[in-house]
């Protein structure tokens, strides 16, 4: 079994395939347009004894400066179907579709359920892996089924939403089945003439300053208003990929917000008070306890927005975004580890890195 030399590329710079713009060359690179092509590529790499890294939009991936010694398999499957299902519409999207293009298309059709996830970079296939969420919504709320290719058997499989094991920024595909499946399509169930979700305090405040929320209504106009509000908020934090914005050259939020039990939260507040904190730490409800914003921990540990170290630093607009200002992966990871150690020393909490770091 072999792949056409016109399809299989060699020594492809990975920096051009990630939003953060870092990473050396892939020994082999393939952008797969069909499920069968993914299957063939996996079989070929297995026969050649090569490791395989599956890549989507590159918005949550950081490659080593040395590159990748095997095959980087870029999922480029395309296609979107809208299927009426009573008061719902089921939207089946191929894994290679750009996520924000899908959100925009759904909002334009008056379909509610994804509007608060506007502006998130990357592809559809990545959304179930870390249960993508923002501004009070998660894809776990709308995913009904996904299709995937089992890398062990090279057979196609299906998972219902409940079978995905969704939790905060987690799923079975990020935990116990990490690296086992290549997601090929995702189906979302969205509400016809849906009412937009305005649950997140920051989003609510933004909208209240500009409109009467009690008259917001439902369907396309209301969904579009919420989408535009989310995009404006994300742009204000450089969280929308924009070549004209140097602060957006990142992998999004670099650390997860820690989830604490109520007892652990109490001890965090005691520790903060002992350090001279006047106000209690900002906490918000979460299943099993509360979450503390990682951005607050980072800044209080001595790393303010705009902090620079060599060619990398924290965004001037968002303390959770580690930005490439012309540096290297080595510099970025060294800064990330320094931040983690500082937060632990000050608060006794280890921050979890959100992007996937692909070591050589």
Protein backbone atom coordinates (compact mmCIF):
# COMPACT_ATOMS: atom_id res chain seq x y z
CA UNK A 1 0.00 0.00 0.00
CA UNK A 2 1.35 3.42 -0.87
CA UNK A 3 0.37 7.03 -1.14
CA UNK A 4 0.89 9.15 -4.21
CA UNK A 5 4.10 11.19 -3.96
CA UNK A 6 2.02 14.19 -5.04
CA UNK A 7 -0.08 13.84 -1.88
CA UNK A 8 2.60 12.93 0.67
CA UNK A 9 4.88 15.91 1.37
CA UNK A 10 8.23 15.92 3.14
CA UNK A 11 9.88 18.43 5.50
CA UNK A 12 6.84 20.67 5.77
CA UNK A 13 7.26 23.58 8.26
CA UNK A 14 4.69 23.11 11.02
CA UNK A 15 4.82 26.74 12.09
CA UNK A 16 2.59 27.58 9.12
CA UNK A 17 -0.02 25.06 10.29
CA UNK A 18 -0.55 26.43 13.82
CA UNK A 19 -2.08 29.68 15.04
CA UNK A 20 0.88 30.30 17.35
CA UNK A 21 3.33 29.99 14.44
CA UNK A 22 5.84 27.69 16.11
CA UNK A 23 7.38 24.33 15.25
CA UNK A 24 10.01 22.82 13.02
CA UNK A 25 9.40 20.58 9.99
CA UNK A 26 7.33 17.42 9.78
CA UNK A 27 9.25 14.56 8.22
CA UNK A 28 6.06 13.68 6.33
CA UNK A 29 2.82 15.63 5.98
CA UNK A 30 -0.51 14.71 4.42
CA UNK A 31 -3.68 16.76 4.17
CA UNK A 32 -6.40 14.09 3.92
CA UNK A 33 -9.54 14.95 1.95
CA UNK A 34 -11.31 11.57 2.36
CA UNK A 35 -11.81 9.08 5.19
CA UNK A 36 -10.22 6.38 3.05
CA UNK A 37 -7.14 8.56 2.65
CA UNK A 38 -6.86 8.81 6.44
CA UNK A 39 -7.12 5.02 6.67
CA UNK A 40 -4.43 4.52 4.03
CA UNK A 41 -2.12 7.05 5.69
CA UNK A 42 -2.42 5.37 9.07
CA UNK A 43 -1.73 1.95 7.53
CA UNK A 44 1.26 3.32 5.61
CA UNK A 45 2.76 4.91 8.72
CA UNK A 46 2.24 1.69 10.66
CA UNK A 47 4.05 -0.29 7.97
CA UNK A 48 6.90 2.24 7.98
CA UNK A 49 7.14 2.24 11.78
CA UNK A 50 6.46 5.98 11.96
CA UNK A 51 4.61 7.89 14.68
CA UNK A 52 1.52 9.81 13.58
CA UNK A 53 0.18 13.08 14.90
CA UNK A 54 -3.35 13.99 13.82
CA UNK A 55 -3.73 17.72 13.23
CA UNK A 56 -6.84 19.83 12.82
CA UNK A 57 -6.78 23.61 12.60
CA UNK A 58 -3.62 23.92 14.70
CA UNK A 59 -5.21 26.34 17.15
CA UNK A 60 -4.54 24.16 20.19
CA UNK A 61 -1.24 22.56 19.20
CA UNK A 62 2.38 23.42 19.93
CA UNK A 63 5.11 21.57 18.04
CA UNK A 64 8.75 21.28 19.09
CA UNK A 65 11.36 23.51 17.48
CA UNK A 66 12.96 20.34 16.08
CA UNK A 67 9.73 19.42 14.29
CA UNK A 68 8.06 16.01 14.16
CA UNK A 69 9.89 12.80 13.17
CA UNK A 70 6.90 10.97 11.69
CA UNK A 71 3.71 11.72 9.77
CA UNK A 72 1.58 14.75 10.57
CA UNK A 73 -1.87 13.85 9.27
CA UNK A 74 -3.99 16.93 8.66
CA UNK A 75 -7.72 16.20 8.62
CA UNK A 76 -9.20 18.23 5.74
CA UNK A 77 -12.59 16.48 5.35
CA UNK A 78 -15.31 18.86 4.15
CA UNK A 79 -19.09 18.95 3.99
CA UNK A 80 -22.07 20.18 6.03
CA UNK A 81 -25.63 18.78 6.08
CA UNK A 82 -28.71 20.36 7.70
CA UNK A 83 -31.39 17.76 8.53
CA UNK A 84 -34.78 18.86 9.98
CA UNK A 85 -35.84 16.92 13.09
CA UNK A 86 -39.09 18.46 14.37
CA UNK A 87 -38.36 21.58 16.40
CA UNK A 88 -34.69 20.84 15.98
CA UNK A 89 -32.22 20.68 13.13
CA UNK A 90 -29.40 18.17 13.19
CA UNK A 91 -26.25 19.59 11.63
CA UNK A 92 -23.68 17.05 10.50
CA UNK A 93 -20.31 18.64 9.77
CA UNK A 94 -17.14 16.99 8.53
CA UNK A 95 -14.19 17.24 10.89
CA UNK A 96 -12.17 19.51 8.59
CA UNK A 97 -14.76 22.28 8.41
CA UNK A 98 -13.66 25.57 9.99
CA UNK A 99 -15.49 25.88 13.29
CA UNK A 100 -16.45 29.54 13.10
CA UNK A 101 -17.73 29.13 9.54
CA UNK A 102 -20.11 26.47 10.87
CA UNK A 103 -21.24 28.68 13.76
CA UNK A 104 -21.92 31.57 11.39
CA UNK A 105 -23.92 29.34 9.02
CA UNK A 106 -26.05 28.06 11.91
CA UNK A 107 -26.73 31.54 13.28
CA UNK A 108 -27.71 32.75 9.81
CA UNK A 109 -30.32 29.98 9.71
CA UNK A 110 -31.69 30.94 13.13
CA UNK A 111 -30.37 27.78 14.79
CA UNK A 112 -29.56 28.21 18.45
CA UNK A 113 -26.98 26.35 20.51
CA UNK A 114 -23.57 27.42 19.20
CA UNK A 115 -23.78 31.22 19.13
CA UNK A 116 -21.63 31.80 22.23
CA UNK A 117 -18.88 29.69 20.67
CA UNK A 118 -18.33 32.23 17.90
CA UNK A 119 -14.79 33.24 17.00
CA UNK A 120 -13.12 30.13 18.37
CA UNK A 121 -10.39 29.06 15.93
CA UNK A 122 -9.83 25.52 14.74
CA UNK A 123 -11.90 22.83 13.09
CA UNK A 124 -15.09 20.93 13.87
CA UNK A 125 -13.30 17.68 14.66
CA UNK A 126 -11.48 19.21 17.62
CA UNK A 127 -14.59 20.47 19.39
CA UNK A 128 -15.57 17.19 21.09
CA UNK A 129 -12.02 16.38 22.20
CA UNK A 130 -11.78 19.10 24.82
CA UNK A 131 -15.51 19.83 24.99
CA UNK A 132 -14.99 23.31 23.55
CA UNK A 133 -16.78 25.96 25.56
CA UNK A 134 -16.95 29.72 26.05
CA UNK A 135 -19.28 32.38 27.42
CA UNK A 136 -21.57 29.87 29.11
CA UNK A 137 -21.92 27.28 26.34
CA UNK A 138 -20.23 23.94 25.66
CA UNK A 139 -20.50 21.66 22.64
CA UNK A 140 -21.51 18.86 25.04
CA UNK A 141 -24.95 20.51 25.16
CA UNK A 142 -25.60 19.96 21.46
CA UNK A 143 -23.51 17.00 20.22
CA UNK A 144 -25.74 14.00 19.52
CA UNK A 145 -23.32 11.73 17.67
CA UNK A 146 -19.85 11.70 16.19
CA UNK A 147 -18.13 9.42 13.72
CA UNK A 148 -14.50 8.42 13.96
CA UNK A 149 -11.85 6.04 12.67
CA UNK A 150 -10.34 3.66 15.20
CA UNK A 151 -6.56 3.87 14.74
CA UNK A 152 -6.11 0.33 16.08
CA UNK A 153 -8.53 -1.45 13.75
CA UNK A 154 -8.89 1.23 11.00
CA UNK A 155 -12.66 0.72 11.24
CA UNK A 156 -15.29 3.45 11.41
CA UNK A 157 -17.12 3.80 14.74
CA UNK A 158 -19.87 6.01 16.17
CA UNK A 159 -20.35 7.54 19.61
CA UNK A 160 -23.48 9.12 21.00
CA UNK A 161 -23.16 12.34 22.97
CA UNK A 162 -23.40 10.58 26.37
CA UNK A 163 -20.79 8.03 25.26
CA UNK A 164 -18.24 10.82 24.76
CA UNK A 165 -17.75 11.25 28.51
CA UNK A 166 -17.91 15.04 28.46
CA UNK A 167 -16.77 17.13 31.42
CA UNK A 168 -15.22 20.58 31.80
CA UNK A 169 -12.77 20.86 28.87
CA UNK A 170 -12.59 17.08 28.77
CA UNK A 171 -13.90 14.00 26.99
CA UNK A 172 -12.94 10.38 26.59
CA UNK A 173 -10.94 11.46 23.52
CA UNK A 174 -8.70 13.60 25.73
CA UNK A 175 -8.50 11.15 28.61
CA UNK A 176 -8.75 7.33 28.48
CA UNK A 177 -9.00 7.17 24.66
CA UNK A 178 -6.46 9.88 23.96
CA UNK A 179 -4.94 9.37 20.52
CA UNK A 180 -7.01 6.28 19.69
CA UNK A 181 -9.59 7.80 17.35
CA UNK A 182 -9.55 10.19 14.40
CA UNK A 183 -12.84 12.08 14.51
CA UNK A 184 -14.30 12.38 11.00
CA UNK A 185 -17.66 14.10 11.57
CA UNK A 186 -19.76 15.60 14.36
CA UNK A 187 -23.54 16.03 14.48
CA UNK A 188 -25.08 18.83 16.58
CA UNK A 189 -28.77 19.19 17.49
CA UNK A 190 -29.77 22.86 17.35
CA UNK A 191 -33.03 24.65 18.13
CA UNK A 192 -35.09 26.09 15.27
CA UNK A 193 -35.62 29.82 15.86
CA UNK A 194 -33.50 29.30 18.92
CA UNK A 195 -33.27 31.64 21.88
CA UNK A 196 -29.66 32.70 22.47
CA UNK A 197 -27.89 31.70 25.66
CA UNK A 198 -26.93 34.71 27.77
CA UNK A 199 -25.65 33.04 30.93
CA UNK A 200 -22.16 34.41 31.25
CA UNK A 201 -21.90 37.56 33.37
CA UNK A 202 -19.44 39.40 31.11
CA UNK A 203 -21.57 38.72 28.04
CA UNK A 204 -24.72 39.78 29.86
CA UNK A 205 -23.15 43.07 30.97
CA UNK A 206 -21.93 43.80 27.44
CA UNK A 207 -25.41 43.23 25.99
CA UNK A 208 -27.22 45.14 28.74
CA UNK A 209 -25.18 48.22 27.90
CA UNK A 210 -26.43 48.06 24.32
CA UNK A 211 -29.93 46.60 24.34
CA UNK A 212 -32.93 45.62 26.43
CA UNK A 213 -32.32 41.96 27.19
CA UNK A 214 -35.97 41.39 28.06
CA UNK A 215 -36.78 42.20 24.42
CA UNK A 216 -33.92 40.24 22.90
CA UNK A 217 -36.26 37.64 21.44
CA UNK A 218 -35.20 34.56 19.52
CA UNK A 219 -34.20 33.42 16.06
CA UNK A 220 -31.67 34.92 13.71
CA UNK A 221 -31.67 38.60 14.85
CA UNK A 222 -31.19 37.68 18.52
CA UNK A 223 -28.63 34.98 17.77
CA UNK A 224 -26.72 37.34 15.49
CA UNK A 225 -26.62 40.01 18.19
CA UNK A 226 -25.15 37.55 20.68
CA UNK A 227 -22.67 36.26 18.11
CA UNK A 228 -21.47 39.79 17.37
CA UNK A 229 -21.17 40.54 21.08
CA UNK A 230 -19.06 37.42 21.63
CA UNK A 231 -16.84 38.29 18.68
CA UNK A 232 -16.36 41.82 20.03
CA UNK A 233 -15.40 40.51 23.47
CA UNK A 234 -13.00 37.98 21.99
CA UNK A 235 -11.38 40.60 19.74
CA UNK A 236 -10.89 42.89 22.72
CA UNK A 237 -8.78 40.10 24.25
CA UNK A 238 -7.00 39.20 20.98
CA UNK A 239 -8.76 35.83 21.07
CA UNK A 240 -9.81 36.00 17.41
CA UNK A 241 -7.06 35.01 14.99
CA UNK A 242 -6.12 38.15 13.07
CA UNK A 243 -2.87 38.56 11.09
CA UNK A 244 -3.04 42.28 11.86
CA UNK A 245 -3.08 41.65 15.63
CA UNK A 246 0.30 40.43 16.95
CA UNK A 247 -1.28 39.47 20.28
CA UNK A 248 -3.46 36.85 18.56
CA UNK A 249 -0.46 34.71 17.60
CA UNK A 250 -1.22 32.25 20.36
CA UNK A 251 -2.85 28.93 21.13
CA UNK A 252 -5.72 30.60 22.97
CA UNK A 253 -6.02 30.09 26.71
CA UNK A 254 -2.85 28.33 27.82
CA UNK A 255 -4.03 27.16 31.25
CA UNK A 256 -7.28 25.64 32.47
CA UNK A 257 -9.25 27.25 35.29
CA UNK A 258 -8.66 25.03 38.34
CA UNK A 259 -11.74 23.40 39.87
CA UNK A 260 -11.69 23.42 43.68
CA UNK A 261 -13.78 21.81 46.37
CA UNK A 262 -15.44 24.29 48.70
CA UNK A 263 -12.93 23.36 51.42
CA UNK A 264 -10.01 23.92 49.07
CA UNK A 265 -11.50 27.25 48.00
CA UNK A 266 -11.73 28.30 51.65
CA UNK A 267 -8.07 27.46 52.16
CA UNK A 268 -7.16 29.40 49.02
CA UNK A 269 -8.93 32.46 50.39
CA UNK A 270 -7.14 32.08 53.74
CA UNK A 271 -3.81 31.87 51.94
CA UNK A 272 -4.64 34.92 49.83
CA UNK A 273 -5.66 36.94 52.91
CA UNK A 274 -2.40 35.96 54.60
CA UNK A 275 -0.55 37.34 51.56
CA UNK A 276 -2.30 40.68 52.06
CA UNK A 277 -5.23 40.25 49.67
CA UNK A 278 -8.04 42.70 50.49
CA UNK A 279 -10.81 41.15 48.39
CA UNK A 280 -11.56 37.40 48.25
CA UNK A 281 -10.34 35.47 45.20
CA UNK A 282 -12.80 35.57 42.29
CA UNK A 283 -14.68 32.27 42.23
CA UNK A 284 -17.57 31.02 40.15
CA UNK A 285 -19.78 27.92 40.53
CA UNK A 286 -18.80 24.62 38.97
CA UNK A 287 -19.90 21.01 39.19
CA UNK A 288 -18.33 19.63 42.32
CA UNK A 289 -17.32 22.98 43.77
CA UNK A 290 -16.03 26.24 42.31
CA UNK A 291 -13.49 27.38 39.73
CA UNK A 292 -10.85 30.05 40.19
CA UNK A 293 -9.80 31.96 37.06
CA UNK A 294 -6.34 30.86 35.97
CA UNK A 295 -5.74 34.37 34.60
CA UNK A 296 -6.17 35.82 38.11
CA UNK A 297 -3.71 33.28 39.54
CA UNK A 298 -1.17 34.07 36.82
CA UNK A 299 -1.33 37.82 37.38
CA UNK A 300 -1.24 37.55 41.17
CA UNK A 301 1.81 35.28 40.88
CA UNK A 302 3.75 38.13 39.26
CA UNK A 303 3.05 37.76 35.53
CA UNK A 304 0.92 40.70 34.38
CA UNK A 305 -0.57 41.17 30.95
CA UNK A 306 2.10 42.27 28.51
CA UNK A 307 4.91 40.48 30.35
CA UNK A 308 7.71 39.61 27.90
CA UNK A 309 10.58 37.14 28.05
CA UNK A 310 12.73 37.01 24.93
CA UNK A 311 10.55 36.34 21.90
CA UNK A 312 7.49 35.21 23.88
CA UNK A 313 5.22 36.68 26.51
CA UNK A 314 1.73 37.15 27.88
CA UNK A 315 -0.75 38.97 25.72
CA UNK A 316 -1.24 42.62 26.64
CA UNK A 317 -4.97 41.90 26.53
CA UNK A 318 -5.37 38.54 28.25
CA UNK A 319 -3.14 36.98 30.90
CA UNK A 320 -4.04 33.43 29.82
CA UNK A 321 -2.69 33.78 26.28
CA UNK A 322 1.00 33.02 25.83
CA UNK A 323 2.01 34.73 22.62
CA UNK A 324 4.74 34.12 20.07
CA UNK A 325 6.41 37.47 19.35
CA UNK A 326 9.10 35.91 17.18
CA UNK A 327 10.41 33.39 19.68
CA UNK A 328 10.71 29.62 19.89
CA UNK A 329 8.77 26.74 21.35
CA UNK A 330 11.57 26.26 23.87
CA UNK A 331 11.17 29.83 25.10
CA UNK A 332 7.39 29.48 25.28
CA UNK A 333 7.44 26.25 27.29
CA UNK A 334 10.11 27.60 29.64
CA UNK A 335 7.94 30.63 30.39
CA UNK A 336 4.88 28.43 30.87
CA UNK A 337 6.72 26.26 33.38
CA UNK A 338 8.02 29.30 35.24
CA UNK A 339 4.45 30.60 35.54
CA UNK A 340 3.19 27.22 36.78
CA UNK A 341 5.89 27.05 39.41
CA UNK A 342 5.20 30.61 40.56
CA UNK A 343 1.47 29.93 40.90
CA UNK A 344 2.17 26.77 42.87
CA UNK A 345 4.62 28.53 45.17
CA UNK A 346 2.13 31.30 45.90
CA UNK A 347 -1.18 29.43 45.97
CA UNK A 348 -0.40 25.71 46.17
CA UNK A 349 -2.17 25.04 42.85
CA UNK A 350 -0.67 23.46 39.75
CA UNK A 351 -2.08 24.95 36.56
CA UNK A 352 -2.95 22.44 33.85
CA UNK A 353 -1.73 23.26 30.33
CA UNK A 354 -4.61 23.33 27.85
CA UNK A 355 -2.90 23.15 24.40
CA UNK A 356 -1.45 19.87 23.21
CA UNK A 357 2.33 20.02 23.35
CA UNK A 358 3.77 17.63 20.75
CA UNK A 359 7.27 16.65 21.83
CA UNK A 360 9.74 15.33 19.34
